[in-house]
PDB file of N, CA and C in Angstrom:
ATOM      1  N   MET A   1     119.339 -50.648-109.147  1.00  0.00           N
ATOM      2  CA  MET A   1     118.309 -51.184-108.170  1.00  0.00           C
ATOM      3  C   MET A   1     117.294 -52.243-108.883  1.00  0.00           C
ATOM      4  N   ARG A   2     117.284 -53.464-108.005  1.00  0.00           N
ATOM      5  CA  ARG A   2     116.285 -54.593-108.816  1.00  0.00           C
ATOM      6  C   ARG A   2     114.814 -54.078-108.361  1.00  0.00           C
ATOM      7  N   ASN A   3     114.095 -54.747-109.353  1.00  0.00           N
ATOM      8  CA  ASN A   3     112.737 -54.781-109.068  1.00  0.00           C
ATOM      9  C   ASN A   3     112.190 -55.637-108.312  1.00  0.00           C
ATOM     10  N   ALA A   4     110.990 -55.332-107.442  1.00  0.00           N
ATOM     11  CA  ALA A   4     110.497 -56.131-106.562  1.00  0.00           C
ATOM     12  C   ALA A   4     110.153 -57.242-107.341  1.00  0.00           C
ATOM     13  N   PRO A   5     109.787 -58.523-106.689  1.00  0.00           N
ATOM     14  CA  PRO A   5     109.460 -59.758-107.213  1.00  0.00           C
ATOM     15  C   PRO A   5     108.046 -59.644-107.880  1.00  0.00           C
ATOM     16  N   ALA A   6     107.160 -58.718-107.445  1.00  0.00           N
ATOM     17  CA  ALA A   6     105.804 -58.339-107.959  1.00  0.00           C
ATOM     18  C   ALA A   6     105.874 -57.931-109.155  1.00  0.00           C
ATOM     19  N   ASP A   7     106.932 -56.993-109.393  1.00  0.00           N
ATOM     20  CA  ASP A   7     107.173 -56.339-110.615  1.00  0.00           C
ATOM     21  C   ASP A   7     107.768 -57.322-111.882  1.00  0.00           C
ATOM     22  N   SER A   8     108.529 -58.027-111.385  1.00  0.00           N
ATOM     23  CA  SER A   8     109.175 -59.109-112.491  1.00  0.00           C
ATOM     24  C   SER A   8     108.501 -60.465-112.912  1.00  0.00           C
ATOM     25  N   ASP A   9     107.734 -60.895-111.818  1.00  0.00           N
ATOM     26  CA  ASP A   9     107.450 -62.295-111.836  1.00  0.00           C
ATOM     27  C   ASP A   9     105.813 -62.266-112.300  1.00  0.00           C
ATOM     28  N   PRO A  10     105.657 -62.879-113.612  1.00  0.00           N
ATOM     29  CA  PRO A  10     104.239 -62.776-114.178  1.00  0.00           C
ATOM     30  C   PRO A  10     103.391 -63.500-113.467  1.00  0.00           C
ATOM     31  N   THR A  11     103.811 -64.654-112.480  1.00  0.00           N
ATOM     32  CA  THR A  11     102.733 -65.182-111.549  1.00  0.00           C
ATOM     33  C   THR A  11     102.111 -64.342-110.407  1.00  0.00           C
ATOM     34  N   PHE A  12     102.806 -63.283-110.253  1.00  0.00           N
ATOM     35  CA  PHE A  12     102.221 -62.378-109.128  1.00  0.00           C
ATOM     36  C   PHE A  12     101.113 -61.460-109.750  1.00  0.00           C
ATOM     37  N   LYS A  13     100.766 -61.733-111.049  1.00  0.00           N
ATOM     38  CA  LYS A  13      99.712 -60.501-111.734  1.00  0.00           C
ATOM     39  C   LYS A  13      98.515 -61.250-111.921  1.00  0.00           C
ATOM     40  N   ALA A  14      97.450 -60.852-111.430  1.00  0.00           N
ATOM     41  CA  ALA A  14      96.387 -61.453-111.555  1.00  0.00           C
ATOM     42  C   ALA A  14      95.304 -60.806-112.609  1.00  0.00           C
ATOM     43  N   ARG A  15      94.719 -61.546-113.804  1.00  0.00           N
ATOM     44  CA  ARG A  15      94.159 -60.810-114.928  1.00  0.00           C
ATOM     45  C   ARG A  15      92.785 -60.349-114.229  1.00  0.00           C
ATOM     46  N   GLN A  16      92.368 -59.443-114.834  1.00  0.00           N
ATOM     47  CA  GLN A  16      91.177 -58.894-114.395  1.00  0.00           C
ATOM     48  C   GLN A  16      89.942 -59.740-114.843  1.00  0.00           C
ATOM     49  N   ARG A  17      88.877 -60.073-113.839  1.00  0.00           N
ATOM     50  CA  ARG A  17      87.870 -60.982-114.093  1.00  0.00           C
ATOM     51  C   ARG A  17      86.383 -60.078-113.605  1.00  0.00           C
ATOM     52  N   SER A  18      85.562 -60.676-114.441  1.00  0.00           N
ATOM     53  CA  SER A  18      84.092 -59.918-113.946  1.00  0.00           C
ATOM     54  C   SER A  18      83.635 -60.507-112.567  1.00  0.00           C
ATOM     55  N   THR A  19      82.741 -59.927-112.406  1.00  0.00           N
ATOM     56  CA  THR A  19      81.985 -60.022-111.166  1.00  0.00           C
ATOM     57  C   THR A  19      81.388 -61.687-111.288  1.00  0.00           C
ATOM     58  N   TRP A  20      80.752 -61.881-112.383  1.00  0.00           N
ATOM     59  CA  TRP A  20      80.067 -63.062-112.736  1.00  0.00           C
ATOM     60  C   TRP A  20      81.001 -64.131-113.100  1.00  0.00           C
ATOM     61  N   GLU A  21      82.073 -63.851-113.340  1.00  0.00           N
ATOM     62  CA  GLU A  21      83.304 -64.853-113.618  1.00  0.00           C
ATOM     63  C   GLU A  21      83.559 -65.536-112.015  1.00  0.00           C
ATOM     64  N   ILE A  22      83.792 -64.677-111.371  1.00  0.00           N
ATOM     65  CA  ILE A  22      84.181 -64.994-109.903  1.00  0.00           C
ATOM     66  C   ILE A  22      82.910 -65.576-109.287  1.00  0.00           C
ATOM     67  N   VAL A  23      81.711 -65.303-109.483  1.00  0.00           N
ATOM     68  CA  VAL A  23      80.602 -65.917-108.712  1.00  0.00           C
ATOM     69  C   VAL A  23      80.488 -67.333-109.309  1.00  0.00           C
ATOM     70  N   ARG A  24      80.935 -67.460-110.621  1.00  0.00           N
ATOM     71  CA  ARG A  24      80.650 -68.881-111.293  1.00  0.00           C
ATOM     72  C   ARG A  24      81.802 -69.659-110.624  1.00  0.00           C
ATOM     73  N   ARG A  25      82.913 -69.269-110.599  1.00  0.00           N
ATOM     74  CA  ARG A  25      84.157 -70.018-109.819  1.00  0.00           C
ATOM     75  C   ARG A  25      83.706 -70.196-108.399  1.00  0.00           C
ATOM     76  N   VAL A  26      83.256 -69.408-107.760  1.00  0.00           N
ATOM     77  CA  VAL A  26      82.876 -69.704-106.329  1.00  0.00           C
ATOM     78  C   VAL A  26      81.804 -70.634-106.175  1.00  0.00           C
ATOM     79  N   ALA A  27      80.917 -70.654-107.210  1.00  0.00           N
ATOM     80  CA  ALA A  27      79.487 -71.426-107.026  1.00  0.00           C
ATOM     81  C   ALA A  27      80.062 -72.828-107.244  1.00  0.00           C
ATOM     82  N   VAL A  28      81.278 -73.132-108.160  1.00  0.00           N
ATOM     83  CA  VAL A  28      81.362 -74.698-108.175  1.00  0.00           C
ATOM     84  C   VAL A  28      81.938 -75.195-106.937  1.00  0.00           C
ATOM     85  N   PHE A  29      82.686 -74.407-105.948  1.00  0.00           N
ATOM     86  CA  PHE A  29      83.059 -74.893-104.746  1.00  0.00           C
ATOM     87  C   PHE A  29      81.798 -75.174-103.785  1.00  0.00           C
ATOM     88  N   LEU A  30      80.604 -74.350-103.992  1.00  0.00           N
ATOM     89  CA  LEU A  30      79.556 -74.278-103.210  1.00  0.00           C
ATOM     90  C   LEU A  30      78.611 -75.332-103.488  1.00  0.00           C
ATOM     91  N   ARG A  31      78.708 -75.947-104.471  1.00  0.00           N
ATOM     92  CA  ARG A  31      77.762 -76.728-105.305  1.00  0.00           C
ATOM     93  C   ARG A  31      77.429 -77.873-104.111  1.00  0.00           C
ATOM     94  N   PRO A  32      78.485 -78.600-103.502  1.00  0.00           N
ATOM     95  CA  PRO A  32      77.869 -79.658-102.632  1.00  0.00           C
ATOM     96  C   PRO A  32      77.216 -78.960-101.306  1.00  0.00           C
ATOM     97  N   TYR A  33      77.269 -77.840-100.874  1.00  0.00           N
ATOM     98  CA  TYR A  33      76.758 -77.012 -99.917  1.00  0.00           C
ATOM     99  C   TYR A  33      75.648 -76.095-100.541  1.00  0.00           C
ATOM    100  N   ARG A  34      74.892 -76.517-101.269  1.00  0.00           N
ATOM    101  CA  ARG A  34      73.677 -75.539-101.784  1.00  0.00           C
ATOM    102  C   ARG A  34      72.859 -75.107-100.636  1.00  0.00           C
ATOM    103  N   THR A  35      72.499 -76.056 -99.683  1.00  0.00           N
ATOM    104  CA  THR A  35      71.336 -75.697 -98.959  1.00  0.00           C
ATOM    105  C   THR A  35      71.796 -74.744 -97.839  1.00  0.00           C
ATOM    106  N   LEU A  36      73.307 -75.036 -97.300  1.00  0.00           N
ATOM    107  CA  LEU A  36      73.817 -74.505 -96.567  1.00  0.00           C
ATOM    108  C   LEU A  36      74.318 -73.130 -96.994  1.00  0.00           C
ATOM    109  N   ALA A  37      74.586 -72.863 -97.989  1.00  0.00           N
ATOM    110  CA  ALA A  37      74.913 -71.542 -98.675  1.00  0.00           C
ATOM    111  C   ALA A  37      73.663 -70.625 -98.840  1.00  0.00           C
ATOM    112  N   ALA A  38      72.604 -71.186 -99.487  1.00  0.00           N
ATOM    113  CA  ALA A  38      71.240 -70.533 -99.470  1.00  0.00           C
ATOM    114  C   ALA A  38      70.753 -70.251 -98.017  1.00  0.00           C
ATOM    115  N   GLY A  39      70.873 -71.022 -97.047  1.00  0.00           N
ATOM    116  CA  GLY A  39      70.497 -70.705 -95.566  1.00  0.00           C
ATOM    117  C   GLY A  39      71.372 -69.436 -95.199  1.00  0.00           C
ATOM    118  N   THR A  40      72.506 -69.539 -95.368  1.00  0.00           N
ATOM    119  CA  THR A  40      73.461 -68.447 -94.929  1.00  0.00           C
ATOM    120  C   THR A  40      73.194 -67.274 -95.616  1.00  0.00           C
ATOM    121  N   ILE A  41      72.919 -67.136 -96.794  1.00  0.00           N
ATOM    122  CA  ILE A  41      72.656 -65.756 -97.460  1.00  0.00           C
ATOM    123  C   ILE A  41      71.194 -65.660 -97.033  1.00  0.00           C
ATOM    124  N   ALA A  42      70.112 -66.388 -96.789  1.00  0.00           N
ATOM    125  CA  ALA A  42      68.713 -65.864 -96.338  1.00  0.00           C
ATOM    126  C   ALA A  42      69.022 -65.414 -95.122  1.00  0.00           C
ATOM    127  N   CYS A  43      69.664 -65.892 -94.090  1.00  0.00           N
ATOM    128  CA  CYS A  43      69.955 -65.356 -92.666  1.00  0.00           C
ATOM    129  C   CYS A  43      70.792 -63.957 -92.742  1.00  0.00           C
ATOM    130  N   ALA A  44      71.522 -63.758 -93.890  1.00  0.00           N
ATOM    131  CA  ALA A  44      72.219 -62.496 -93.772  1.00  0.00           C
ATOM    132  C   ALA A  44      71.096 -61.406 -94.439  1.00  0.00           C
ATOM    133  N   VAL A  45      70.313 -61.686 -95.175  1.00  0.00           N
ATOM    134  CA  VAL A  45      69.376 -60.823 -95.916  1.00  0.00           C
ATOM    135  C   VAL A  45      68.307 -60.370 -94.647  1.00  0.00           C
ATOM    136  N   LEU A  46      68.061 -61.336 -93.657  1.00  0.00           N
ATOM    137  CA  LEU A  46      67.077 -61.364 -92.834  1.00  0.00           C
ATOM    138  C   LEU A  46      67.684 -60.660 -91.669  1.00  0.00           C
ATOM    139  N   SER A  47      68.905 -60.537 -91.460  1.00  0.00           N
ATOM    140  CA  SER A  47      69.548 -60.081 -90.265  1.00  0.00           C
ATOM    141  C   SER A  47      69.570 -58.555 -90.881  1.00  0.00           C
ATOM    142  N   LEU A  48      69.952 -58.175 -92.287  1.00  0.00           N
ATOM    143  CA  LEU A  48      70.023 -56.859 -92.593  1.00  0.00           C
ATOM    144  C   LEU A  48      68.698 -56.262 -92.664  1.00  0.00           C
ATOM    145  N   LEU A  49      67.613 -56.800 -93.021  1.00  0.00           N
ATOM    146  CA  LEU A  49      66.214 -56.297 -92.919  1.00  0.00           C
ATOM    147  C   LEU A  49      65.943 -55.962 -91.597  1.00  0.00           C
ATOM    148  N   ALA A  50      66.274 -56.750 -90.407  1.00  0.00           N
ATOM    149  CA  ALA A  50      66.031 -56.565 -89.228  1.00  0.00           C
ATOM    150  C   ALA A  50      66.744 -55.362 -88.722  1.00  0.00           C
ATOM    151  N   SER A  51      67.986 -55.178 -88.879  1.00  0.00           N
ATOM    152  CA  SER A  51      68.869 -54.030 -88.828  1.00  0.00           C
ATOM    153  C   SER A  51      68.285 -52.650 -89.326  1.00  0.00           C
ATOM    154  N   PHE A  52      67.623 -52.812 -90.368  1.00  0.00           N
ATOM    155  CA  PHE A  52      66.888 -51.570 -90.848  1.00  0.00           C
ATOM    156  C   PHE A  52      65.545 -51.255 -90.151  1.00  0.00           C
ATOM    157  N   VAL A  53      65.066 -52.072 -89.513  1.00  0.00           N
ATOM    158  CA  VAL A  53      63.875 -51.722 -88.793  1.00  0.00           C
ATOM    159  C   VAL A  53      64.247 -50.938 -87.542  1.00  0.00           C
ATOM    160  N   PHE A  54      65.205 -51.508 -87.012  1.00  0.00           N
ATOM    161  CA  PHE A  54      65.509 -50.788 -85.637  1.00  0.00           C
ATOM    162  C   PHE A  54      65.746 -49.335 -85.633  1.00  0.00           C
ATOM    163  N   PRO A  55      66.320 -48.413 -86.677  1.00  0.00           N
ATOM    164  CA  PRO A  55      66.402 -47.227 -86.720  1.00  0.00           C
ATOM    165  C   PRO A  55      65.081 -46.478 -86.880  1.00  0.00           C
ATOM    166  N   LYS A  56      64.486 -47.242 -87.911  1.00  0.00           N
ATOM    167  CA  LYS A  56      62.979 -46.629 -88.121  1.00  0.00           C
ATOM    168  C   LYS A  56      62.172 -46.633 -87.148  1.00  0.00           C
ATOM    169  N   LEU A  57      61.809 -47.846 -86.123  1.00  0.00           N
ATOM    170  CA  LEU A  57      61.311 -47.646 -84.944  1.00  0.00           C
ATOM    171  C   LEU A  57      61.898 -46.714 -84.103  1.00  0.00           C
ATOM    172  N   THR A  58      63.105 -46.500 -83.988  1.00  0.00           N
ATOM    173  CA  THR A  58      63.305 -45.669 -82.941  1.00  0.00           C
ATOM    174  C   THR A  58      63.139 -44.078 -83.411  1.00  0.00           C
ATOM    175  N   GLN A  59      63.129 -43.883 -84.866  1.00  0.00           N
ATOM    176  CA  GLN A  59      62.691 -42.552 -85.229  1.00  0.00           C
ATOM    177  C   GLN A  59      61.272 -42.362 -85.017  1.00  0.00           C
ATOM    178  N   TYR A  60      60.398 -43.522 -85.201  1.00  0.00           N
ATOM    179  CA  TYR A  60      58.924 -43.302 -84.811  1.00  0.00           C
ATOM    180  C   TYR A  60      58.922 -43.077 -83.534  1.00  0.00           C
ATOM    181  N   ALA A  61      59.365 -43.718 -82.701  1.00  0.00           N
ATOM    182  CA  ALA A  61      59.445 -43.739 -81.273  1.00  0.00           C
ATOM    183  C   ALA A  61      59.606 -42.030 -80.721  1.00  0.00           C
ATOM    184  N   ILE A  62      60.676 -41.492 -81.362  1.00  0.00           N
ATOM    185  CA  ILE A  62      61.060 -40.135 -80.970  1.00  0.00           C
ATOM    186  C   ILE A  62      60.089 -39.188 -81.490  1.00  0.00           C
ATOM    187  N   ASP A  63      59.680 -39.305 -82.815  1.00  0.00           N
ATOM    188  CA  ASP A  63      58.783 -38.261 -83.647  1.00  0.00           C
ATOM    189  C   ASP A  63      57.438 -38.409 -83.210  1.00  0.00           C
ATOM    190  N   GLU A  64      56.779 -39.627 -83.148  1.00  0.00           N
ATOM    191  CA  GLU A  64      55.354 -39.645 -82.865  1.00  0.00           C
ATOM    192  C   GLU A  64      54.865 -39.896 -81.439  1.00  0.00           C
ATOM    193  N   ILE A  65      55.893 -40.602 -80.854  1.00  0.00           N
ATOM    194  CA  ILE A  65      55.278 -40.896 -79.350  1.00  0.00           C
ATOM    195  C   ILE A  65      56.033 -39.895 -78.450  1.00  0.00           C
ATOM    196  N   ILE A  66      57.305 -39.652 -78.449  1.00  0.00           N
ATOM    197  CA  ILE A  66      57.718 -38.634 -77.454  1.00  0.00           C
ATOM    198  C   ILE A  66      57.234 -37.310 -77.568  1.00  0.00           C
ATOM    199  N   ALA A  67      57.567 -36.848 -78.996  1.00  0.00           N
ATOM    200  CA  ALA A  67      57.061 -35.446 -79.299  1.00  0.00           C
ATOM    201  C   ALA A  67      55.847 -35.211 -79.226  1.00  0.00           C
ATOM    202  N   LYS A  68      54.700 -36.145 -79.560  1.00  0.00           N
ATOM    203  CA  LYS A  68      53.441 -35.746 -79.551  1.00  0.00           C
ATOM    204  C   LYS A  68      52.542 -36.268 -78.328  1.00  0.00           C
ATOM    205  N   SER A  69      53.669 -36.704 -77.293  1.00  0.00           N
ATOM    206  CA  SER A  69      53.251 -37.309 -76.231  1.00  0.00           C
ATOM    207  C   SER A  69      52.074 -38.340 -76.098  1.00  0.00           C
ATOM    208  N   ARG A  70      52.423 -39.325 -76.914  1.00  0.00           N
ATOM    209  CA  ARG A  70      51.348 -40.483 -77.053  1.00  0.00           C
ATOM    210  C   ARG A  70      51.828 -41.654 -76.438  1.00  0.00           C
ATOM    211  N   ALA A  71      51.967 -41.853 -75.089  1.00  0.00           N
ATOM    212  CA  ALA A  71      52.461 -42.910 -74.304  1.00  0.00           C
ATOM    213  C   ALA A  71      51.707 -44.039 -74.656  1.00  0.00           C
ATOM    214  N   GLU A  72      50.558 -44.148 -75.077  1.00  0.00           N
ATOM    215  CA  GLU A  72      49.922 -45.516 -75.109  1.00  0.00           C
ATOM    216  C   GLU A  72      50.473 -46.267 -76.476  1.00  0.00           C
ATOM    217  N   LEU A  73      51.343 -45.774 -77.294  1.00  0.00           N
ATOM    218  CA  LEU A  73      52.098 -46.381 -78.263  1.00  0.00           C
ATOM    219  C   LEU A  73      53.391 -46.969 -78.129  1.00  0.00           C
ATOM    220  N   LEU A  74      53.853 -46.512 -76.622  1.00  0.00           N
ATOM    221  CA  LEU A  74      55.209 -46.786 -76.288  1.00  0.00           C
ATOM    222  C   LEU A  74      55.264 -48.481 -76.278  1.00  0.00           C
ATOM    223  N   PRO A  75      54.401 -49.115 -75.547  1.00  0.00           N
ATOM    224  CA  PRO A  75      54.692 -50.697 -75.211  1.00  0.00           C
ATOM    225  C   PRO A  75      54.920 -51.264 -76.457  1.00  0.00           C
ATOM    226  N   PRO A  76      53.888 -50.965 -77.613  1.00  0.00           N
ATOM    227  CA  PRO A  76      54.031 -51.893 -78.643  1.00  0.00           C
ATOM    228  C   PRO A  76      55.310 -51.567 -79.343  1.00  0.00           C
ATOM    229  N   VAL A  77      55.787 -50.139 -79.437  1.00  0.00           N
ATOM    230  CA  VAL A  77      56.944 -49.857 -80.237  1.00  0.00           C
ATOM    231  C   VAL A  77      58.221 -50.382 -79.546  1.00  0.00           C
ATOM    232  N   MET A  78      58.085 -50.473 -78.223  1.00  0.00           N
ATOM    233  CA  MET A  78      59.448 -50.949 -77.497  1.00  0.00           C
ATOM    234  C   MET A  78      59.487 -52.606 -77.643  1.00  0.00           C
ATOM    235  N   LEU A  79      58.396 -53.163 -77.912  1.00  0.00           N
ATOM    236  CA  LEU A  79      58.185 -54.704 -77.993  1.00  0.00           C
ATOM    237  C   LEU A  79      58.866 -54.831 -79.369  1.00  0.00           C
ATOM    238  N   GLY A  80      58.479 -53.754 -80.506  1.00  0.00           N
ATOM    239  CA  GLY A  80      59.125 -54.093 -81.771  1.00  0.00           C
ATOM    240  C   GLY A  80      60.554 -53.829 -81.871  1.00  0.00           C
ATOM    241  N   LEU A  81      60.984 -52.816 -81.157  1.00  0.00           N
ATOM    242  CA  LEU A  81      62.338 -52.766 -81.150  1.00  0.00           C
ATOM    243  C   LEU A  81      63.121 -53.877 -80.298  1.00  0.00           C
ATOM    244  N   LEU A  82      62.658 -54.573 -79.404  1.00  0.00           N
ATOM    245  CA  LEU A  82      63.128 -55.575 -78.861  1.00  0.00           C
ATOM    246  C   LEU A  82      63.206 -56.783 -79.718  1.00  0.00           C
ATOM    247  N   GLY A  83      62.038 -56.849 -80.425  1.00  0.00           N
ATOM    248  CA  GLY A  83      61.916 -58.064 -81.496  1.00  0.00           C
ATOM    249  C   GLY A  83      63.064 -57.793 -82.680  1.00  0.00           C
ATOM    250  N   ALA A  84      63.154 -56.716 -83.018  1.00  0.00           N
ATOM    251  CA  ALA A  84      63.894 -56.500 -84.111  1.00  0.00           C
ATOM    252  C   ALA A  84      65.299 -56.584 -83.755  1.00  0.00           C
ATOM    253  N   PHE A  85      65.805 -56.205 -82.566  1.00  0.00           N
ATOM    254  CA  PHE A  85      67.149 -56.539 -81.918  1.00  0.00           C
ATOM    255  C   PHE A  85      67.092 -58.137 -81.786  1.00  0.00           C
ATOM    256  N   LEU A  86      66.334 -58.795 -81.249  1.00  0.00           N
ATOM    257  CA  LEU A  86      66.611 -60.299 -81.268  1.00  0.00           C
ATOM    258  C   LEU A  86      66.528 -60.975 -82.605  1.00  0.00           C
ATOM    259  N   LEU A  87      65.842 -60.600 -83.349  1.00  0.00           N
ATOM    260  CA  LEU A  87      65.920 -61.242 -84.579  1.00  0.00           C
ATOM    261  C   LEU A  87      67.176 -61.171 -85.422  1.00  0.00           C
ATOM    262  N   ARG A  88      67.558 -59.747 -85.226  1.00  0.00           N
ATOM    263  CA  ARG A  88      68.834 -59.517 -86.142  1.00  0.00           C
ATOM    264  C   ARG A  88      69.988 -60.302 -85.329  1.00  0.00           C
ATOM    265  N   ASP A  89      69.891 -60.451 -84.124  1.00  0.00           N
ATOM    266  CA  ASP A  89      71.022 -61.222 -83.470  1.00  0.00           C
ATOM    267  C   ASP A  89      70.781 -62.941 -83.634  1.00  0.00           C
ATOM    268  N   LEU A  90      69.552 -63.233 -83.845  1.00  0.00           N
ATOM    269  CA  LEU A  90      69.422 -64.524 -84.147  1.00  0.00           C
ATOM    270  C   LEU A  90      69.661 -64.954 -85.492  1.00  0.00           C
ATOM    271  N   PHE A  91      69.541 -64.249 -86.428  1.00  0.00           N
ATOM    272  CA  PHE A  91      69.864 -64.459 -87.922  1.00  0.00           C
ATOM    273  C   PHE A  91      71.257 -64.235 -88.245  1.00  0.00           C
ATOM    274  N   ASN A  92      71.966 -63.527 -87.207  1.00  0.00           N
ATOM    275  CA  ASN A  92      73.296 -63.537 -87.250  1.00  0.00           C
ATOM    276  C   ASN A  92      74.212 -64.441 -86.386  1.00  0.00           C
ATOM    277  N   LEU A  93      73.816 -65.429 -85.774  1.00  0.00           N
ATOM    278  CA  LEU A  93      74.367 -66.337 -84.933  1.00  0.00           C
ATOM    279  C   LEU A  93      75.514 -66.989 -85.765  1.00  0.00           C
ATOM    280  N   LYS A  94      76.650 -67.243 -85.094  1.00  0.00           N
ATOM    281  CA  LYS A  94      77.692 -68.092 -85.902  1.00  0.00           C
ATOM    282  C   LYS A  94      77.827 -69.277 -85.208  1.00  0.00           C
ATOM    283  N   ASN A  95      78.090 -70.451 -85.945  1.00  0.00           N
ATOM    284  CA  ASN A  95      78.146 -71.834 -85.679  1.00  0.00           C
ATOM    285  C   ASN A  95      79.475 -71.995 -84.892  1.00  0.00           C
ATOM    286  N   ALA A  96      79.322 -72.532 -83.552  1.00  0.00           N
ATOM    287  CA  ALA A  96      80.399 -72.869 -82.918  1.00  0.00           C
ATOM    288  C   ALA A  96      81.232 -73.909 -83.301  1.00  0.00           C
TER     289      ALA A  96
END
């Protein structure tokens, strides 16, 4: 039985590269778009941070407001939840 092309053809075999080597290779292509790349990374980080706020505020609403009947704290926490949701989606917008 014949070997598959990937087994016999050396061009199908990729050598292992370190993460930094890959990052350097990609950075060469991103160099003309430094500002756009930095903005994309910043938006991704801010979107991730806003995503982390949402479950923590939900936990706070359940543990501190509902469990302890502190209804006066509900409006600011709900506004915080809405703000976290909107910020997450704002930083996660895709260009059309």
